[in-house]
Amino acid sequence: MKKIDSEAVKYHIKGLLEAIGENPDREGLKETPDRVARMYEEVFEGIKYTNHEIAQMFNKTFEEDLEFLPSGQDMIVVRDIDIFSYCEHHLALMYDMKVTVAYVPNGKVIGLSKIARIADMVSKRLQLQERIGTDIADIMTEVTGSKDVAVLIEGCHSCMSARGIKKSNAKTYTTTFRGKFKEDTNLQMRIYSK
């Protein structure tokens, strides 16, 4: 497990405040380096773990009494998992993000709250929206044993809405389809229908 160096974060945030022309010793900023270091511990927690370690953390599955899920015929979908993350290009917030995770069970199912926890932990990294979907899919495959996994993400990016092009209504949609979801458009469409 990697560790976030809080002392280094404090030092560099103080230097950043000076670099932009602020006085880090003024009343409103005195405790800012410490606050930012504590915030980074929380919002970048996922950096500490590999995908395999996250899969091990949330590897709670159920294998009994699954007759109600004939193999390959039914799927499980969890929609509207709220997450946020930070873009690795500008350190800008990716916000109003909604994740949908679907999979076709392969002899076992994962606890539903674990799907949300996986999405949340994966989001706590510097990254691209596309990588969030890939990482969630990889972890879901490892935990459930199913190769048939789909992850849909919709989100807003402050690197587009608050700077640069400044398009506040722009949303980014990404899809990650694995196994049957890659070829079966009917299976894909079932994810989108509510």
N, C-alpha and C. Protein backbone atom coordinates (compact mmCIF):
# COMPACT_ATOMS: atom_id res chain seq x y z
N MET A 1 0.85 -1.19 0.00
CA MET A 1 0.00 0.00 0.00
C MET A 1 0.89 1.25 0.00
N LYS A 2 0.58 2.15 -0.90
CA LYS A 2 1.30 3.42 -0.96
C LYS A 2 0.80 4.33 0.16
N LYS A 3 1.61 5.32 0.53
CA LYS A 3 1.22 6.26 1.55
C LYS A 3 1.30 7.68 0.98
N ILE A 4 0.32 8.49 1.31
CA ILE A 4 0.34 9.90 0.91
C ILE A 4 1.21 10.64 1.93
N ASP A 5 2.18 11.39 1.44
CA ASP A 5 3.10 12.14 2.30
C ASP A 5 2.48 13.49 2.65
N SER A 6 1.78 13.52 3.76
CA SER A 6 1.05 14.73 4.16
C SER A 6 1.97 15.92 4.41
N GLU A 7 3.13 15.68 4.97
CA GLU A 7 4.06 16.78 5.23
C GLU A 7 4.54 17.40 3.93
N ALA A 8 4.81 16.58 2.93
CA ALA A 8 5.22 17.10 1.62
C ALA A 8 4.08 17.89 0.98
N VAL A 9 2.85 17.39 1.12
CA VAL A 9 1.70 18.11 0.57
C VAL A 9 1.60 19.50 1.21
N LYS A 10 1.70 19.57 2.53
CA LYS A 10 1.64 20.87 3.23
C LYS A 10 2.72 21.82 2.72
N TYR A 11 3.93 21.32 2.61
CA TYR A 11 5.06 22.14 2.15
C TYR A 11 4.79 22.69 0.75
N HIS A 12 4.34 21.83 -0.13
CA HIS A 12 4.14 22.25 -1.52
C HIS A 12 2.91 23.14 -1.69
N ILE A 13 1.87 22.93 -0.90
CA ILE A 13 0.70 23.82 -0.97
C ILE A 13 1.08 25.22 -0.50
N LYS A 14 1.89 25.29 0.54
CA LYS A 14 2.37 26.61 0.99
C LYS A 14 3.16 27.27 -0.13
N GLY A 15 4.04 26.52 -0.80
CA GLY A 15 4.80 27.06 -1.92
C GLY A 15 3.91 27.46 -3.09
N LEU A 16 2.86 26.70 -3.33
CA LEU A 16 1.93 27.03 -4.40
C LEU A 16 1.20 28.34 -4.09
N LEU A 17 0.79 28.52 -2.85
CA LEU A 17 0.13 29.76 -2.46
C LEU A 17 1.06 30.95 -2.69
N GLU A 18 2.33 30.79 -2.33
CA GLU A 18 3.31 31.86 -2.57
C GLU A 18 3.49 32.09 -4.07
N ALA A 19 3.53 31.01 -4.85
CA ALA A 19 3.76 31.11 -6.30
C ALA A 19 2.65 31.87 -7.02
N ILE A 20 1.42 31.78 -6.51
CA ILE A 20 0.32 32.51 -7.17
C ILE A 20 0.15 33.92 -6.60
N GLY A 21 1.06 34.32 -5.70
CA GLY A 21 1.05 35.69 -5.18
C GLY A 21 0.29 35.87 -3.88
N GLU A 22 -0.06 34.78 -3.23
CA GLU A 22 -0.77 34.86 -1.95
C GLU A 22 0.21 34.84 -0.79
N ASN A 23 -0.27 35.26 0.35
CA ASN A 23 0.51 35.22 1.58
C ASN A 23 0.00 34.05 2.42
N PRO A 24 0.73 32.93 2.48
CA PRO A 24 0.25 31.77 3.21
C PRO A 24 0.16 31.97 4.72
N ASP A 25 0.71 33.11 5.19
CA ASP A 25 0.66 33.40 6.63
C ASP A 25 -0.52 34.29 7.02
N ARG A 26 -1.29 34.74 6.04
CA ARG A 26 -2.45 35.57 6.40
C ARG A 26 -3.52 34.69 7.05
N GLU A 27 -4.39 35.30 7.82
CA GLU A 27 -5.34 34.57 8.67
C GLU A 27 -6.14 33.51 7.92
N GLY A 28 -6.69 33.84 6.79
CA GLY A 28 -7.54 32.90 6.06
C GLY A 28 -6.79 31.73 5.46
N LEU A 29 -5.47 31.85 5.32
CA LEU A 29 -4.69 30.79 4.66
C LEU A 29 -3.75 30.04 5.59
N LYS A 30 -3.63 30.48 6.84
CA LYS A 30 -2.67 29.85 7.76
C LYS A 30 -2.82 28.34 7.85
N GLU A 31 -4.04 27.87 7.90
CA GLU A 31 -4.28 26.44 8.07
C GLU A 31 -4.60 25.72 6.76
N THR A 32 -4.55 26.46 5.65
CA THR A 32 -4.89 25.86 4.36
C THR A 32 -3.99 24.69 3.98
N PRO A 33 -2.67 24.78 4.12
CA PRO A 33 -1.85 23.61 3.77
C PRO A 33 -2.25 22.35 4.56
N ASP A 34 -2.54 22.50 5.83
CA ASP A 34 -2.97 21.35 6.64
C ASP A 34 -4.32 20.83 6.17
N ARG A 35 -5.26 21.73 5.89
CA ARG A 35 -6.58 21.32 5.42
C ARG A 35 -6.49 20.57 4.09
N VAL A 36 -5.67 21.10 3.17
CA VAL A 36 -5.51 20.46 1.86
C VAL A 36 -4.88 19.08 2.02
N ALA A 37 -3.90 18.95 2.90
CA ALA A 37 -3.26 17.65 3.12
C ALA A 37 -4.27 16.63 3.63
N ARG A 38 -5.14 17.05 4.56
CA ARG A 38 -6.17 16.13 5.07
C ARG A 38 -7.19 15.81 4.00
N MET A 39 -7.55 16.80 3.19
CA MET A 39 -8.50 16.56 2.09
C MET A 39 -7.90 15.57 1.10
N TYR A 40 -6.62 15.73 0.75
CA TYR A 40 -5.98 14.83 -0.20
C TYR A 40 -5.94 13.40 0.33
N GLU A 41 -5.75 13.24 1.63
CA GLU A 41 -5.79 11.90 2.23
C GLU A 41 -7.13 11.22 1.91
N GLU A 42 -8.19 12.02 1.94
CA GLU A 42 -9.53 11.48 1.70
C GLU A 42 -9.83 11.30 0.22
N VAL A 43 -9.65 12.36 -0.58
CA VAL A 43 -10.09 12.31 -1.97
C VAL A 43 -9.15 11.52 -2.88
N PHE A 44 -7.92 11.24 -2.43
CA PHE A 44 -7.00 10.44 -3.22
C PHE A 44 -6.69 9.10 -2.56
N GLU A 45 -7.58 8.64 -1.71
CA GLU A 45 -7.37 7.38 -1.01
C GLU A 45 -7.12 6.22 -1.97
N GLY A 46 -7.79 6.22 -3.10
CA GLY A 46 -7.67 5.13 -4.05
C GLY A 46 -6.29 4.96 -4.65
N ILE A 47 -5.46 6.02 -4.61
CA ILE A 47 -4.09 5.95 -5.12
C ILE A 47 -3.28 4.94 -4.33
N LYS A 48 -3.64 4.74 -3.08
CA LYS A 48 -2.88 3.84 -2.21
C LYS A 48 -2.98 2.38 -2.62
N TYR A 49 -4.01 2.03 -3.39
CA TYR A 49 -4.31 0.62 -3.65
C TYR A 49 -4.27 0.28 -5.14
N THR A 50 -3.84 -0.93 -5.45
CA THR A 50 -3.94 -1.45 -6.82
C THR A 50 -5.38 -1.94 -7.03
N ASN A 51 -5.73 -2.21 -8.27
CA ASN A 51 -7.06 -2.78 -8.54
C ASN A 51 -7.24 -4.11 -7.82
N HIS A 52 -6.19 -4.92 -7.80
CA HIS A 52 -6.26 -6.22 -7.11
C HIS A 52 -6.53 -6.02 -5.62
N GLU A 53 -5.86 -5.05 -5.00
CA GLU A 53 -6.09 -4.79 -3.56
C GLU A 53 -7.52 -4.31 -3.30
N ILE A 54 -8.07 -3.49 -4.21
CA ILE A 54 -9.46 -3.04 -4.06
C ILE A 54 -10.40 -4.24 -4.20
N ALA A 55 -10.11 -5.12 -5.16
CA ALA A 55 -10.93 -6.32 -5.33
C ALA A 55 -10.91 -7.16 -4.04
N GLN A 56 -9.77 -7.28 -3.41
CA GLN A 56 -9.66 -8.04 -2.16
C GLN A 56 -10.44 -7.36 -1.03
N MET A 57 -10.43 -6.03 -1.01
CA MET A 57 -11.15 -5.28 0.04
C MET A 57 -12.66 -5.52 -0.02
N PHE A 58 -13.20 -5.63 -1.24
CA PHE A 58 -14.64 -5.70 -1.42
C PHE A 58 -15.08 -7.04 -2.03
N ASN A 59 -14.38 -8.09 -1.70
CA ASN A 59 -14.64 -9.41 -2.26
C ASN A 59 -15.68 -10.17 -1.43
N LYS A 60 -16.85 -9.61 -1.29
CA LYS A 60 -17.95 -10.27 -0.57
C LYS A 60 -18.97 -10.72 -1.59
N THR A 61 -19.00 -12.04 -1.84
CA THR A 61 -19.94 -12.57 -2.82
C THR A 61 -20.80 -13.64 -2.18
N PHE A 62 -21.88 -13.95 -2.88
CA PHE A 62 -22.83 -14.95 -2.42
C PHE A 62 -22.98 -16.00 -3.52
N GLU A 63 -22.86 -17.27 -3.15
CA GLU A 63 -22.92 -18.33 -4.14
C GLU A 63 -24.09 -19.28 -3.93
N GLU A 64 -24.77 -19.16 -2.81
CA GLU A 64 -25.87 -20.08 -2.51
C GLU A 64 -27.19 -19.55 -3.06
N ASP A 65 -28.11 -20.45 -3.32
CA ASP A 65 -29.48 -20.10 -3.72
C ASP A 65 -29.53 -19.19 -4.94
N LEU A 66 -28.75 -19.49 -5.96
CA LEU A 66 -28.75 -18.66 -7.15
C LEU A 66 -29.57 -19.25 -8.29
N GLU A 67 -30.48 -20.18 -7.98
CA GLU A 67 -31.31 -20.78 -9.03
C GLU A 67 -32.16 -19.72 -9.75
N PHE A 68 -32.42 -18.64 -9.06
CA PHE A 68 -33.24 -17.59 -9.66
C PHE A 68 -32.48 -16.85 -10.77
N LEU A 69 -31.18 -17.10 -10.91
CA LEU A 69 -30.38 -16.46 -11.95
C LEU A 69 -29.80 -17.52 -12.89
N PRO A 70 -30.59 -17.98 -13.86
CA PRO A 70 -30.06 -18.97 -14.80
C PRO A 70 -28.81 -18.42 -15.49
N SER A 71 -27.80 -19.22 -15.60
CA SER A 71 -26.51 -18.78 -16.12
C SER A 71 -26.65 -18.13 -17.49
N GLY A 72 -26.13 -16.93 -17.60
CA GLY A 72 -26.07 -16.22 -18.88
C GLY A 72 -27.37 -15.58 -19.32
N GLN A 73 -28.45 -15.70 -18.56
CA GLN A 73 -29.73 -15.16 -19.01
C GLN A 73 -30.10 -13.85 -18.32
N ASP A 74 -29.71 -13.68 -17.09
CA ASP A 74 -30.10 -12.48 -16.35
C ASP A 74 -28.87 -11.66 -16.02
N MET A 75 -29.11 -10.40 -15.76
CA MET A 75 -28.00 -9.54 -15.37
C MET A 75 -28.42 -8.70 -14.19
N ILE A 76 -27.43 -8.17 -13.53
CA ILE A 76 -27.63 -7.28 -12.39
C ILE A 76 -27.12 -5.91 -12.81
N VAL A 77 -27.91 -4.89 -12.54
CA VAL A 77 -27.55 -3.51 -12.90
C VAL A 77 -27.72 -2.63 -11.68
N VAL A 78 -26.69 -1.85 -11.37
CA VAL A 78 -26.78 -0.83 -10.33
C VAL A 78 -26.53 0.50 -11.01
N ARG A 79 -27.50 1.40 -10.92
CA ARG A 79 -27.44 2.68 -11.62
C ARG A 79 -27.19 3.84 -10.66
N ASP A 80 -26.76 4.94 -11.25
CA ASP A 80 -26.68 6.23 -10.57
C ASP A 80 -25.84 6.20 -9.30
N ILE A 81 -24.69 5.55 -9.37
CA ILE A 81 -23.74 5.60 -8.26
C ILE A 81 -23.02 6.94 -8.37
N ASP A 82 -23.19 7.80 -7.39
CA ASP A 82 -22.56 9.12 -7.40
C ASP A 82 -21.09 9.01 -7.03
N ILE A 83 -20.24 9.57 -7.87
CA ILE A 83 -18.81 9.66 -7.55
C ILE A 83 -18.29 11.02 -8.00
N PHE A 84 -17.09 11.35 -7.58
CA PHE A 84 -16.36 12.47 -8.16
C PHE A 84 -14.90 12.04 -8.23
N SER A 85 -14.14 12.73 -9.06
CA SER A 85 -12.74 12.39 -9.21
C SER A 85 -11.98 13.63 -9.63
N TYR A 86 -10.68 13.46 -9.89
CA TYR A 86 -9.84 14.58 -10.31
C TYR A 86 -9.09 14.21 -11.58
N CYS A 87 -9.17 15.08 -12.56
CA CYS A 87 -8.50 14.91 -13.85
C CYS A 87 -6.99 15.00 -13.67
N GLU A 88 -6.27 14.05 -14.25
CA GLU A 88 -4.82 14.04 -14.10
C GLU A 88 -4.13 15.10 -14.95
N HIS A 89 -4.85 15.72 -15.88
CA HIS A 89 -4.23 16.73 -16.74
C HIS A 89 -4.17 18.11 -16.09
N HIS A 90 -5.23 18.47 -15.36
CA HIS A 90 -5.29 19.81 -14.75
C HIS A 90 -5.50 19.77 -13.24
N LEU A 91 -5.58 18.57 -12.67
CA LEU A 91 -5.97 18.40 -11.25
C LEU A 91 -7.34 19.02 -11.01
N ALA A 92 -8.16 19.05 -12.05
CA ALA A 92 -9.49 19.66 -11.99
C ALA A 92 -10.53 18.62 -11.58
N LEU A 93 -11.56 19.09 -10.91
CA LEU A 93 -12.62 18.23 -10.43
C LEU A 93 -13.47 17.69 -11.57
N MET A 94 -13.74 16.38 -11.53
CA MET A 94 -14.75 15.76 -12.38
C MET A 94 -15.94 15.54 -11.45
N TYR A 95 -17.10 16.11 -11.79
CA TYR A 95 -18.20 16.17 -10.84
C TYR A 95 -19.52 15.76 -11.49
N ASP A 96 -20.57 15.69 -10.67
CA ASP A 96 -21.89 15.23 -11.13
C ASP A 96 -21.76 13.94 -11.92
N MET A 97 -20.89 13.06 -11.44
CA MET A 97 -20.65 11.80 -12.15
C MET A 97 -21.62 10.74 -11.66
N LYS A 98 -22.17 10.00 -12.61
CA LYS A 98 -23.08 8.89 -12.32
C LYS A 98 -22.51 7.64 -13.00
N VAL A 99 -22.39 6.58 -12.22
CA VAL A 99 -21.84 5.33 -12.73
C VAL A 99 -22.95 4.28 -12.75
N THR A 100 -23.02 3.54 -13.83
CA THR A 100 -23.89 2.36 -13.93
C THR A 100 -22.98 1.15 -14.13
N VAL A 101 -23.17 0.14 -13.30
CA VAL A 101 -22.40 -1.10 -13.42
C VAL A 101 -23.39 -2.24 -13.65
N ALA A 102 -23.10 -3.06 -14.66
CA ALA A 102 -23.94 -4.23 -14.97
C ALA A 102 -23.04 -5.44 -15.16
N TYR A 103 -23.55 -6.60 -14.76
CA TYR A 103 -22.81 -7.83 -15.04
C TYR A 103 -23.78 -9.00 -15.10
N VAL A 104 -23.36 -10.01 -15.85
CA VAL A 104 -24.10 -11.27 -15.92
C VAL A 104 -23.42 -12.21 -14.93
N PRO A 105 -24.14 -12.65 -13.89
CA PRO A 105 -23.51 -13.50 -12.87
C PRO A 105 -22.97 -14.81 -13.45
N ASN A 106 -21.87 -15.25 -12.86
CA ASN A 106 -21.22 -16.50 -13.26
C ASN A 106 -21.06 -17.37 -12.00
N GLY A 107 -22.20 -17.79 -11.44
CA GLY A 107 -22.16 -18.66 -10.27
C GLY A 107 -22.14 -17.96 -8.94
N LYS A 108 -21.94 -16.65 -8.93
CA LYS A 108 -21.98 -15.91 -7.67
C LYS A 108 -22.32 -14.45 -7.94
N VAL A 109 -22.83 -13.79 -6.91
CA VAL A 109 -23.16 -12.36 -7.01
C VAL A 109 -22.41 -11.61 -5.92
N ILE A 110 -22.12 -10.36 -6.20
CA ILE A 110 -21.43 -9.50 -5.24
C ILE A 110 -22.48 -8.71 -4.45
N GLY A 111 -22.19 -8.43 -3.19
CA GLY A 111 -23.08 -7.57 -2.41
C GLY A 111 -23.25 -6.23 -3.11
N LEU A 112 -24.46 -5.74 -3.21
CA LEU A 112 -24.74 -4.52 -3.98
C LEU A 112 -23.96 -3.31 -3.48
N SER A 113 -23.83 -3.18 -2.16
CA SER A 113 -23.09 -2.03 -1.63
C SER A 113 -21.62 -2.09 -2.04
N LYS A 114 -21.13 -3.29 -2.28
CA LYS A 114 -19.72 -3.43 -2.68
C LYS A 114 -19.48 -2.85 -4.07
N ILE A 115 -20.48 -2.91 -4.93
CA ILE A 115 -20.34 -2.31 -6.26
C ILE A 115 -20.13 -0.80 -6.13
N ALA A 116 -20.94 -0.18 -5.28
CA ALA A 116 -20.80 1.27 -5.05
C ALA A 116 -19.46 1.59 -4.40
N ARG A 117 -19.02 0.74 -3.48
CA ARG A 117 -17.73 0.97 -2.80
C ARG A 117 -16.56 0.84 -3.78
N ILE A 118 -16.66 -0.11 -4.70
CA ILE A 118 -15.62 -0.26 -5.72
C ILE A 118 -15.55 1.01 -6.58
N ALA A 119 -16.71 1.47 -7.06
CA ALA A 119 -16.75 2.68 -7.89
C ALA A 119 -16.18 3.88 -7.13
N ASP A 120 -16.54 4.00 -5.86
CA ASP A 120 -16.07 5.11 -5.04
C ASP A 120 -14.55 5.06 -4.86
N MET A 121 -14.01 3.90 -4.53
CA MET A 121 -12.57 3.80 -4.29
C MET A 121 -11.78 4.04 -5.57
N VAL A 122 -12.27 3.51 -6.69
CA VAL A 122 -11.57 3.72 -7.97
C VAL A 122 -11.56 5.20 -8.33
N SER A 123 -12.62 5.92 -7.99
CA SER A 123 -12.70 7.34 -8.35
C SER A 123 -11.71 8.20 -7.57
N LYS A 124 -11.19 7.71 -6.48
CA LYS A 124 -10.31 8.50 -5.62
C LYS A 124 -8.86 8.40 -6.07
N ARG A 125 -8.64 8.75 -7.34
CA ARG A 125 -7.32 8.75 -7.96
C ARG A 125 -7.24 9.89 -8.96
N LEU A 126 -6.03 10.30 -9.31
CA LEU A 126 -5.86 11.20 -10.44
C LEU A 126 -5.97 10.34 -11.69
N GLN A 127 -6.83 10.75 -12.64
CA GLN A 127 -7.07 9.87 -13.77
C GLN A 127 -7.92 10.50 -14.85
N LEU A 128 -8.30 9.65 -15.78
CA LEU A 128 -9.23 10.00 -16.85
C LEU A 128 -10.54 9.26 -16.60
N GLN A 129 -11.63 9.81 -17.07
CA GLN A 129 -12.93 9.17 -16.89
C GLN A 129 -12.92 7.78 -17.54
N GLU A 130 -12.26 7.66 -18.70
CA GLU A 130 -12.20 6.38 -19.39
C GLU A 130 -11.55 5.31 -18.51
N ARG A 131 -10.52 5.67 -17.77
CA ARG A 131 -9.81 4.71 -16.93
C ARG A 131 -10.67 4.28 -15.74
N ILE A 132 -11.53 5.15 -15.25
CA ILE A 132 -12.42 4.77 -14.15
C ILE A 132 -13.26 3.57 -14.58
N GLY A 133 -13.86 3.65 -15.77
CA GLY A 133 -14.68 2.55 -16.26
C GLY A 133 -13.90 1.27 -16.44
N THR A 134 -12.71 1.37 -16.99
CA THR A 134 -11.86 0.19 -17.19
C THR A 134 -11.48 -0.45 -15.86
N ASP A 135 -11.09 0.38 -14.89
CA ASP A 135 -10.69 -0.15 -13.58
C ASP A 135 -11.86 -0.81 -12.85
N ILE A 136 -13.03 -0.19 -12.90
CA ILE A 136 -14.21 -0.80 -12.27
C ILE A 136 -14.50 -2.15 -12.92
N ALA A 137 -14.46 -2.20 -14.25
CA ALA A 137 -14.73 -3.45 -14.96
C ALA A 137 -13.71 -4.53 -14.59
N ASP A 138 -12.44 -4.16 -14.52
CA ASP A 138 -11.40 -5.13 -14.13
C ASP A 138 -11.66 -5.70 -12.74
N ILE A 139 -12.00 -4.83 -11.80
CA ILE A 139 -12.24 -5.26 -10.42
C ILE A 139 -13.50 -6.12 -10.34
N MET A 140 -14.56 -5.72 -11.04
CA MET A 140 -15.80 -6.50 -11.04
C MET A 140 -15.55 -7.91 -11.60
N THR A 141 -14.75 -8.01 -12.65
CA THR A 141 -14.43 -9.31 -13.22
C THR A 141 -13.67 -10.16 -12.21
N GLU A 142 -12.71 -9.57 -11.54
CA GLU A 142 -11.94 -10.32 -10.55
C GLU A 142 -12.82 -10.81 -9.39
N VAL A 143 -13.69 -9.95 -8.90
CA VAL A 143 -14.51 -10.31 -7.73
C VAL A 143 -15.60 -11.30 -8.09
N THR A 144 -16.29 -11.08 -9.20
CA THR A 144 -17.47 -11.91 -9.54
C THR A 144 -17.12 -13.14 -10.38
N GLY A 145 -15.97 -13.13 -11.03
CA GLY A 145 -15.63 -14.22 -11.93
C GLY A 145 -16.35 -14.13 -13.26
N SER A 146 -17.12 -13.06 -13.46
CA SER A 146 -17.86 -12.88 -14.71
C SER A 146 -17.03 -12.07 -15.70
N LYS A 147 -16.97 -12.56 -16.93
CA LYS A 147 -16.30 -11.81 -17.99
C LYS A 147 -17.27 -10.82 -18.66
N ASP A 148 -18.55 -10.94 -18.31
CA ASP A 148 -19.61 -10.13 -18.93
C ASP A 148 -19.94 -8.95 -18.01
N VAL A 149 -19.21 -7.85 -18.22
CA VAL A 149 -19.32 -6.68 -17.35
C VAL A 149 -19.44 -5.44 -18.22
N ALA A 150 -20.27 -4.49 -17.78
CA ALA A 150 -20.40 -3.20 -18.47
C ALA A 150 -20.37 -2.09 -17.43
N VAL A 151 -19.71 -0.99 -17.79
CA VAL A 151 -19.66 0.18 -16.92
C VAL A 151 -19.94 1.40 -17.79
N LEU A 152 -20.95 2.18 -17.41
CA LEU A 152 -21.29 3.42 -18.10
C LEU A 152 -21.06 4.56 -17.11
N ILE A 153 -20.44 5.63 -17.60
CA ILE A 153 -20.20 6.79 -16.74
C ILE A 153 -20.58 8.05 -17.48
N GLU A 154 -21.25 8.93 -16.76
CA GLU A 154 -21.57 10.26 -17.27
C GLU A 154 -21.00 11.24 -16.26
N GLY A 155 -20.36 12.31 -16.77
CA GLY A 155 -19.78 13.27 -15.83
C GLY A 155 -19.48 14.62 -16.45
N CYS A 156 -19.33 15.59 -15.58
CA CYS A 156 -18.93 16.94 -15.96
C CYS A 156 -17.48 17.15 -15.53
N HIS A 157 -16.75 17.93 -16.30
CA HIS A 157 -15.33 18.15 -16.03
C HIS A 157 -15.08 19.64 -15.88
N SER A 158 -14.57 20.04 -14.72
CA SER A 158 -14.34 21.47 -14.51
C SER A 158 -13.20 21.99 -15.38
N CYS A 159 -12.36 21.10 -15.93
CA CYS A 159 -11.34 21.57 -16.87
C CYS A 159 -11.98 22.04 -18.17
N MET A 160 -13.25 21.66 -18.40
CA MET A 160 -14.01 22.17 -19.56
C MET A 160 -15.03 23.23 -19.16
N SER A 161 -15.58 23.11 -17.95
CA SER A 161 -16.67 24.01 -17.57
C SER A 161 -16.20 25.30 -16.91
N ALA A 162 -15.08 25.26 -16.17
CA ALA A 162 -14.64 26.43 -15.41
C ALA A 162 -13.45 27.14 -16.03
N ARG A 163 -12.83 26.54 -17.02
CA ARG A 163 -11.65 27.13 -17.66
C ARG A 163 -11.67 26.76 -19.13
N GLY A 164 -10.70 27.23 -19.86
CA GLY A 164 -10.59 26.87 -21.27
C GLY A 164 -11.84 27.23 -22.06
N ILE A 165 -12.50 26.23 -22.61
CA ILE A 165 -13.67 26.44 -23.46
C ILE A 165 -14.88 26.96 -22.68
N LYS A 166 -14.93 26.70 -21.38
CA LYS A 166 -16.00 27.17 -20.48
C LYS A 166 -17.40 26.78 -20.96
N LYS A 167 -17.60 25.52 -21.19
CA LYS A 167 -18.90 25.00 -21.58
C LYS A 167 -19.50 24.26 -20.39
N SER A 168 -20.29 24.97 -19.60
CA SER A 168 -20.77 24.43 -18.32
C SER A 168 -21.80 23.31 -18.46
N ASN A 169 -22.45 23.20 -19.62
CA ASN A 169 -23.45 22.15 -19.80
C ASN A 169 -22.91 20.89 -20.47
N ALA A 170 -21.64 20.90 -20.84
CA ALA A 170 -21.07 19.73 -21.53
C ALA A 170 -20.92 18.56 -20.57
N LYS A 171 -21.32 17.38 -21.02
CA LYS A 171 -21.16 16.15 -20.25
C LYS A 171 -20.37 15.17 -21.08
N THR A 172 -19.61 14.34 -20.40
CA THR A 172 -18.84 13.30 -21.07
C THR A 172 -19.45 11.95 -20.71
N TYR A 173 -19.65 11.10 -21.72
CA TYR A 173 -20.19 9.76 -21.52
C TYR A 173 -19.15 8.75 -21.97
N THR A 174 -18.87 7.78 -21.12
CA THR A 174 -17.95 6.71 -21.49
C THR A 174 -18.60 5.36 -21.21
N THR A 175 -18.24 4.38 -22.05
CA THR A 175 -18.75 3.02 -21.86
C THR A 175 -17.57 2.05 -21.90
N THR A 176 -17.67 1.05 -21.05
CA THR A 176 -16.71 -0.06 -21.06
C THR A 176 -17.54 -1.33 -21.15
N PHE A 177 -17.41 -2.04 -22.27
CA PHE A 177 -18.15 -3.29 -22.47
C PHE A 177 -17.17 -4.44 -22.53
N ARG A 178 -17.46 -5.48 -21.74
CA ARG A 178 -16.63 -6.68 -21.73
C ARG A 178 -17.49 -7.91 -22.00
N GLY A 179 -16.90 -8.93 -22.57
CA GLY A 179 -17.60 -10.19 -22.80
C GLY A 179 -18.81 -10.02 -23.69
N LYS A 180 -19.96 -10.59 -23.25
CA LYS A 180 -21.19 -10.56 -24.04
C LYS A 180 -21.66 -9.14 -24.34
N PHE A 181 -21.34 -8.19 -23.45
CA PHE A 181 -21.78 -6.81 -23.67
C PHE A 181 -21.13 -6.20 -24.91
N LYS A 182 -19.96 -6.69 -25.30
CA LYS A 182 -19.29 -6.17 -26.50
C LYS A 182 -20.06 -6.50 -27.76
N GLU A 183 -20.61 -7.72 -27.84
CA GLU A 183 -21.22 -8.17 -29.09
C GLU A 183 -22.74 -8.07 -29.10
N ASP A 184 -23.36 -8.17 -27.94
CA ASP A 184 -24.81 -8.29 -27.86
C ASP A 184 -25.46 -6.92 -27.65
N THR A 185 -25.95 -6.32 -28.74
CA THR A 185 -26.56 -4.99 -28.64
C THR A 185 -27.84 -5.02 -27.82
N ASN A 186 -28.56 -6.16 -27.82
CA ASN A 186 -29.76 -6.26 -26.98
C ASN A 186 -29.39 -6.18 -25.51
N LEU A 187 -28.30 -6.81 -25.13
CA LEU A 187 -27.83 -6.75 -23.75
C LEU A 187 -27.42 -5.32 -23.40
N GLN A 188 -26.76 -4.67 -24.32
CA GLN A 188 -26.39 -3.26 -24.12
C GLN A 188 -27.62 -2.39 -23.90
N MET A 189 -28.64 -2.60 -24.75
CA MET A 189 -29.84 -1.77 -24.67
C MET A 189 -30.58 -1.99 -23.34
N ARG A 190 -30.50 -3.19 -22.79
CA ARG A 190 -31.15 -3.46 -21.51
C ARG A 190 -30.54 -2.62 -20.38
N ILE A 191 -29.27 -2.27 -20.51
CA ILE A 191 -28.64 -1.42 -19.48
C ILE A 191 -29.25 -0.03 -19.52
N TYR A 192 -29.51 0.46 -20.73
CA TYR A 192 -30.00 1.83 -20.89
C TYR A 192 -31.49 1.97 -20.53
N SER A 193 -32.26 0.90 -20.66
CA SER A 193 -33.69 1.00 -20.38
C SER A 193 -33.92 0.96 -18.86
N LYS A 194 -34.83 1.80 -18.43
CA LYS A 194 -35.10 1.89 -16.98
C LYS A 194 -36.43 1.28 -16.66
